[in-house]
Amino acid sequence: MSELICEVCMHHCHLNDGQLGRCRTRKNEDGHNVCANYGRITSIAMDPIEKKPLIHFHPGSYILSVGSYGCNLSCPFCQNASISMADEETSEYRTMSARQLADIAIHQKYNLGIAFTYNEPLISYEYIIDTAKILKRHHMQVVLVTNGTASRQVLEKVMPYVDAMNIDLKGDESFYHELGGDYKTVRDTIAYVYSRCHLEVTILVIPGKNDTPEFIGEQAEWLASLDSEIVLHLSRYFPRYHYTLPPTDIDQLVLLQQEAQKYLKYVSIGNV
């Protein structure tokens, strides 16, 4: 039995033949690291681009949003847990080739392109690339809404096809430990992609977890050291999945917005 180490993200799962990784999508098949959810679509919808959220990327446009199942984090407040925490046995999906999905996007009226979202897209990077190659021949846009924990090797393969990204920056190092993630990996991803595509960053502000002016100010100052025009979205949290904390106080969001605006030109409050 041949074991492999998956290098798609920071977990570096050791997979025996036939075994799935922590994300429930990477699989060892005869010693090859394959994308087990390739082309398996759980969600597809036309959305305003602002819903991604992206406010400085083709504002007023609509984009075909697509998701599968699986994620390499375990956020107990996930808004899409029914698919991100699912696998092939517990999710409902239909299978589309890259060509079939691209054709839907190409023939959809008033459509900017495809946003890979809802679950973590980069664990299925091969499908993104295959679809994007077709879209690019039709001058369509490719957007990723991601937790930013992919490896550099994956990013180097994907970025030539990506026009815009929204990356979640969830909290400090200790908070990422709770989520099964890695703070440094996310910041490294942001630093790598900001000059390679349009980038906006989202912090879901959760009471008692990441809602202090000190934390928000630190993140805003660091983002400004890259580019003061990076858009930061401060999104209001609501109870979801395993979290029962009360919704984020709107006055606190305004306070945090003011703190971030000391460093960044564009700080948006969302989900209110």
Protein backbone atom coordinates (compact mmCIF):
# COMPACT_ATOMS: atom_id res chain seq x y z
CA MET A 1 0.00 0.00 0.00
CA SER A 2 1.56 3.32 -1.11
CA GLU A 3 1.31 6.32 1.20
CA LEU A 4 1.52 9.91 0.01
CA ILE A 5 1.72 13.27 1.72
CA CYS A 6 -0.82 15.74 0.39
CA GLU A 7 0.76 19.14 -0.20
CA VAL A 8 -2.37 21.05 -1.21
CA CYS A 9 -2.55 22.83 2.14
CA MET A 10 -0.69 23.23 5.44
CA HIS A 11 -2.11 20.03 6.98
CA HIS A 12 0.14 17.76 4.87
CA CYS A 13 -2.18 14.80 5.43
CA HIS A 14 -0.53 11.36 5.23
CA LEU A 15 -2.86 9.33 3.02
CA ASN A 16 -2.83 5.60 2.52
CA ASP A 17 -4.22 4.18 -0.71
CA GLY A 18 -7.93 5.00 -0.95
CA GLN A 19 -7.85 7.40 1.99
CA LEU A 20 -9.36 10.89 1.96
CA GLY A 21 -7.66 13.85 3.59
CA ARG A 22 -9.01 16.07 6.32
CA CYS A 23 -10.72 18.21 3.67
CA ARG A 24 -12.73 15.18 2.46
CA THR A 25 -11.78 15.94 -1.15
CA ARG A 26 -8.11 15.05 -1.64
CA LYS A 27 -7.63 11.31 -2.11
CA ASN A 28 -4.83 8.83 -2.57
CA GLU A 29 -5.67 6.74 -5.62
CA ASP A 30 -2.92 4.25 -6.42
CA GLY A 31 -0.29 6.66 -5.14
CA HIS A 32 -1.71 9.70 -6.94
CA ASN A 33 -3.14 12.73 -5.14
CA VAL A 34 -6.48 13.25 -6.88
CA CYS A 35 -9.35 15.67 -6.50
CA ALA A 36 -12.20 13.38 -5.41
CA ASN A 37 -14.86 16.08 -5.73
CA TYR A 38 -13.79 17.12 -9.23
CA GLY A 39 -16.80 18.55 -11.03
CA ARG A 40 -19.22 17.75 -8.21
CA ILE A 41 -21.42 20.81 -7.87
CA THR A 42 -23.59 21.29 -4.78
CA SER A 43 -24.55 24.93 -5.32
CA ILE A 44 -24.86 27.18 -8.36
CA ALA A 45 -26.50 30.61 -8.57
CA MET A 46 -26.20 34.02 -10.16
CA ASP A 47 -25.08 36.58 -7.56
CA PRO A 48 -24.23 40.26 -7.52
CA ILE A 49 -20.45 40.57 -7.45
CA GLU A 50 -20.83 42.64 -4.29
CA LYS A 51 -22.11 39.53 -2.49
CA LYS A 52 -18.73 37.75 -2.76
CA PRO A 53 -17.96 40.36 -1.30
CA LEU A 54 -16.09 42.37 -3.92
CA ILE A 55 -16.94 46.06 -4.13
CA HIS A 56 -14.13 47.39 -6.33
CA PHE A 57 -14.17 44.63 -8.97
CA HIS A 58 -16.65 45.28 -11.80
CA PRO A 59 -19.26 46.80 -9.43
CA GLY A 60 -22.86 46.33 -10.52
CA SER A 61 -22.06 43.06 -12.32
CA TYR A 62 -23.45 39.58 -11.77
CA ILE A 63 -21.37 36.43 -11.61
CA LEU A 64 -22.16 32.71 -11.68
CA SER A 65 -21.29 31.38 -8.22
CA VAL A 66 -20.38 27.71 -7.90
CA GLY A 67 -19.48 25.44 -4.98
CA SER A 68 -18.79 21.81 -4.21
CA TYR A 69 -18.37 20.11 -0.81
CA GLY A 70 -15.50 19.90 1.66
CA CYS A 71 -13.14 22.28 3.44
CA ASN A 72 -9.74 22.03 5.07
CA LEU A 73 -10.81 24.11 8.10
CA SER A 74 -13.38 23.26 10.77
CA CYS A 75 -14.94 26.63 11.59
CA PRO A 76 -17.66 26.09 14.23
CA PHE A 77 -19.49 29.19 12.95
CA CYS A 78 -19.51 28.23 9.25
CA GLN A 79 -22.45 29.69 7.32
CA ASN A 80 -22.24 26.93 4.69
CA ALA A 81 -21.62 23.96 6.98
CA SER A 82 -24.16 21.78 5.16
CA ILE A 83 -21.73 21.56 2.23
CA SER A 84 -18.34 22.63 3.60
CA MET A 85 -18.49 19.99 6.34
CA ALA A 86 -19.99 17.37 4.04
CA ASP A 87 -18.48 14.61 1.90
CA GLU A 88 -19.64 12.55 -1.05
CA GLU A 89 -21.91 10.47 1.21
CA THR A 90 -23.62 13.37 2.98
CA SER A 91 -23.97 15.95 0.20
CA GLU A 92 -26.24 16.20 -2.79
CA TYR A 93 -24.38 17.09 -5.95
CA ARG A 94 -24.49 16.87 -9.70
CA THR A 95 -21.40 16.28 -11.78
CA MET A 96 -20.35 18.72 -14.50
CA SER A 97 -17.26 18.62 -16.64
CA ALA A 98 -15.22 21.80 -16.85
CA ARG A 99 -16.63 22.31 -20.35
CA GLN A 100 -20.22 21.91 -19.16
CA LEU A 101 -19.77 24.43 -16.37
CA ALA A 102 -17.94 26.89 -18.60
CA ASP A 103 -20.69 26.63 -21.21
CA ILE A 104 -23.31 27.55 -18.61
CA ALA A 105 -21.29 30.62 -17.67
CA ILE A 106 -20.61 31.61 -21.27
CA HIS A 107 -24.26 31.43 -22.30
CA GLN A 108 -25.64 33.12 -19.18
CA LYS A 109 -26.77 36.65 -20.02
CA TYR A 110 -25.05 39.57 -18.28
CA ASN A 111 -22.57 37.22 -16.61
CA LEU A 112 -19.08 38.37 -15.65
CA GLY A 113 -17.65 34.86 -15.26
CA ILE A 114 -17.45 32.27 -12.46
CA ALA A 115 -16.86 32.71 -8.75
CA PHE A 116 -15.70 29.53 -7.04
CA THR A 117 -17.16 29.89 -3.57
CA TYR A 118 -19.53 28.43 -0.90
CA ASN A 119 -17.05 25.73 0.16
CA GLU A 120 -13.24 26.02 0.00
CA PRO A 121 -12.41 26.16 -3.72
CA LEU A 122 -8.64 25.70 -3.65
CA ILE A 123 -8.82 22.11 -2.43
CA SER A 124 -10.24 21.47 -5.93
CA TYR A 125 -7.72 23.60 -7.80
CA GLU A 126 -7.52 21.27 -10.83
CA TYR A 127 -11.19 21.86 -11.64
CA ILE A 128 -10.71 25.62 -11.28
CA ILE A 129 -7.81 25.58 -13.72
CA ASP A 130 -9.56 23.36 -16.28
CA THR A 131 -12.66 25.56 -16.21
CA ALA A 132 -10.70 28.80 -16.22
CA LYS A 133 -8.74 27.81 -19.33
CA ILE A 134 -12.02 27.66 -21.23
CA LEU A 135 -13.41 30.85 -19.70
CA LYS A 136 -10.29 32.82 -20.59
CA ARG A 137 -10.79 32.05 -24.28
CA HIS A 138 -14.11 33.88 -23.92
CA HIS A 139 -12.65 36.81 -21.95
CA MET A 140 -14.54 35.90 -18.79
CA GLN A 141 -13.46 36.56 -15.22
CA VAL A 142 -12.45 34.00 -12.58
CA VAL A 143 -13.02 34.80 -8.92
CA LEU A 144 -12.09 32.79 -5.82
CA VAL A 145 -13.64 33.22 -2.38
CA THR A 146 -11.22 31.35 -0.18
CA ASN A 147 -9.87 30.83 3.33
CA GLY A 148 -6.38 31.39 1.94
CA THR A 149 -4.76 28.24 3.35
CA ALA A 150 -3.56 26.66 0.12
CA SER A 151 0.11 25.86 -0.33
CA ARG A 152 2.40 28.04 -2.42
CA GLN A 153 2.64 25.25 -5.01
CA VAL A 154 -1.13 25.35 -5.53
CA LEU A 155 -1.22 29.14 -5.68
CA GLU A 156 1.52 29.21 -8.31
CA LYS A 157 -0.55 26.88 -10.48
CA VAL A 158 -3.85 28.74 -10.02
CA MET A 159 -2.92 32.43 -10.00
CA PRO A 160 -2.28 32.81 -13.75
CA TYR A 161 -6.01 32.18 -14.26
CA VAL A 162 -7.45 34.23 -11.38
CA ASP A 163 -8.73 37.79 -11.77
CA ALA A 164 -9.96 38.49 -8.23
CA MET A 165 -9.95 36.92 -4.80
CA ASN A 166 -11.65 37.55 -1.50
CA ILE A 167 -9.67 35.97 1.33
CA ASP A 168 -11.02 35.38 4.84
CA LEU A 169 -8.75 36.54 7.62
CA LYS A 170 -10.41 34.92 10.58
CA GLY A 171 -8.41 35.84 13.66
CA ASP A 172 -5.06 35.59 15.39
CA GLU A 173 -2.86 32.52 15.74
CA SER A 174 -4.71 31.16 18.77
CA PHE A 175 -8.08 31.52 17.02
CA TYR A 176 -6.79 29.67 13.95
CA HIS A 177 -5.70 26.87 16.26
CA GLU A 178 -9.37 26.49 17.26
CA LEU A 179 -10.37 26.34 13.60
CA GLY A 180 -7.70 23.87 12.55
CA GLY A 181 -5.95 26.48 10.44
CA ASP A 182 -2.77 28.52 10.37
CA TYR A 183 -2.56 32.29 10.72
CA LYS A 184 0.84 32.59 9.02
CA THR A 185 -0.30 30.61 5.98
CA VAL A 186 -3.22 32.98 5.40
CA ARG A 187 -1.07 36.08 5.75
CA ASP A 188 1.52 34.56 3.41
CA THR A 189 -1.23 33.91 0.86
CA ILE A 190 -2.47 37.50 1.08
CA ALA A 191 1.07 38.80 0.65
CA TYR A 192 1.59 36.55 -2.36
CA VAL A 193 -1.61 37.28 -4.28
CA TYR A 194 -2.25 40.98 -3.66
CA SER A 195 0.01 42.05 -6.53
CA ARG A 196 -1.15 39.24 -8.83
CA CYS A 197 -4.92 39.86 -8.93
CA HIS A 198 -7.56 42.12 -7.47
CA LEU A 199 -7.75 41.35 -3.75
CA GLU A 200 -10.28 42.13 -1.04
CA VAL A 201 -10.10 40.75 2.51
CA THR A 202 -12.94 39.82 4.86
CA ILE A 203 -12.91 39.54 8.64
CA LEU A 204 -16.06 37.99 10.08
CA VAL A 205 -16.17 39.89 13.36
CA ILE A 206 -17.15 37.52 16.19
CA PRO A 207 -17.80 38.77 19.75
CA GLY A 208 -14.99 37.84 22.10
CA LYS A 209 -12.93 36.21 19.36
CA ASN A 210 -11.57 38.88 17.01
CA ASP A 211 -13.55 42.04 17.82
CA THR A 212 -10.98 44.23 19.56
CA PRO A 213 -9.68 47.49 18.07
CA GLU A 214 -6.17 46.21 18.74
CA PHE A 215 -6.62 43.14 16.55
CA ILE A 216 -8.46 44.94 13.75
CA GLY A 217 -5.97 47.79 13.82
CA GLU A 218 -3.04 45.38 13.61
CA GLN A 219 -4.53 43.61 10.58
CA ALA A 220 -5.41 46.88 8.85
CA GLU A 221 -1.93 48.29 9.44
CA TRP A 222 -0.35 45.14 8.02
CA LEU A 223 -2.62 45.15 4.95
CA ALA A 224 -1.75 48.82 4.40
CA SER A 225 1.94 47.91 4.44
CA LEU A 226 1.17 45.86 1.32
CA ASP A 227 -1.25 48.31 -0.29
CA SER A 228 -3.42 50.88 1.48
CA GLU A 229 -6.08 50.44 -1.22
CA ILE A 230 -6.80 46.80 -0.36
CA VAL A 231 -10.49 46.67 0.58
CA LEU A 232 -11.21 45.31 4.05
CA HIS A 233 -14.71 44.00 4.76
CA LEU A 234 -15.79 43.81 8.39
CA SER A 235 -18.69 41.39 8.29
CA ARG A 236 -21.28 40.99 11.03
CA TYR A 237 -21.44 37.55 12.61
CA PHE A 238 -24.73 35.76 13.31
CA PRO A 239 -25.13 32.46 15.23
CA ARG A 240 -24.49 29.54 12.87
CA TYR A 241 -23.57 25.86 13.05
CA HIS A 242 -22.05 25.22 16.53
CA TYR A 243 -21.67 28.85 17.63
CA THR A 244 -24.49 30.38 19.70
CA LEU A 245 -22.78 33.66 20.57
CA PRO A 246 -25.02 36.72 20.04
CA PRO A 247 -24.70 38.68 16.79
CA THR A 248 -21.97 41.28 16.56
CA ASP A 249 -22.98 44.64 17.95
CA ILE A 250 -23.32 47.14 15.10
CA ASP A 251 -21.86 49.99 17.15
CA GLN A 252 -18.78 47.82 17.72
CA LEU A 253 -18.49 47.26 13.98
CA VAL A 254 -18.55 51.02 13.41
CA LEU A 255 -15.84 51.47 16.03
CA LEU A 256 -13.70 48.81 14.36
CA GLN A 257 -14.30 50.39 10.97
CA GLN A 258 -12.99 53.69 12.30
CA GLU A 259 -9.91 51.94 13.68
CA ALA A 260 -9.16 50.22 10.37
CA GLN A 261 -9.68 53.47 8.46
CA LYS A 262 -6.62 54.87 10.20
CA TYR A 263 -4.60 52.67 7.84
CA LEU A 264 -6.79 51.64 4.89
CA LYS A 265 -8.69 53.79 2.40
CA TYR A 266 -11.58 51.37 1.97
CA VAL A 267 -13.19 49.64 4.94
CA SER A 268 -16.69 48.27 4.41
CA ILE A 269 -19.21 47.00 6.96
CA GLY A 270 -21.23 44.05 5.71
CA ASN A 271 -23.98 41.62 6.64
CA VAL A 272 -25.94 44.22 8.62
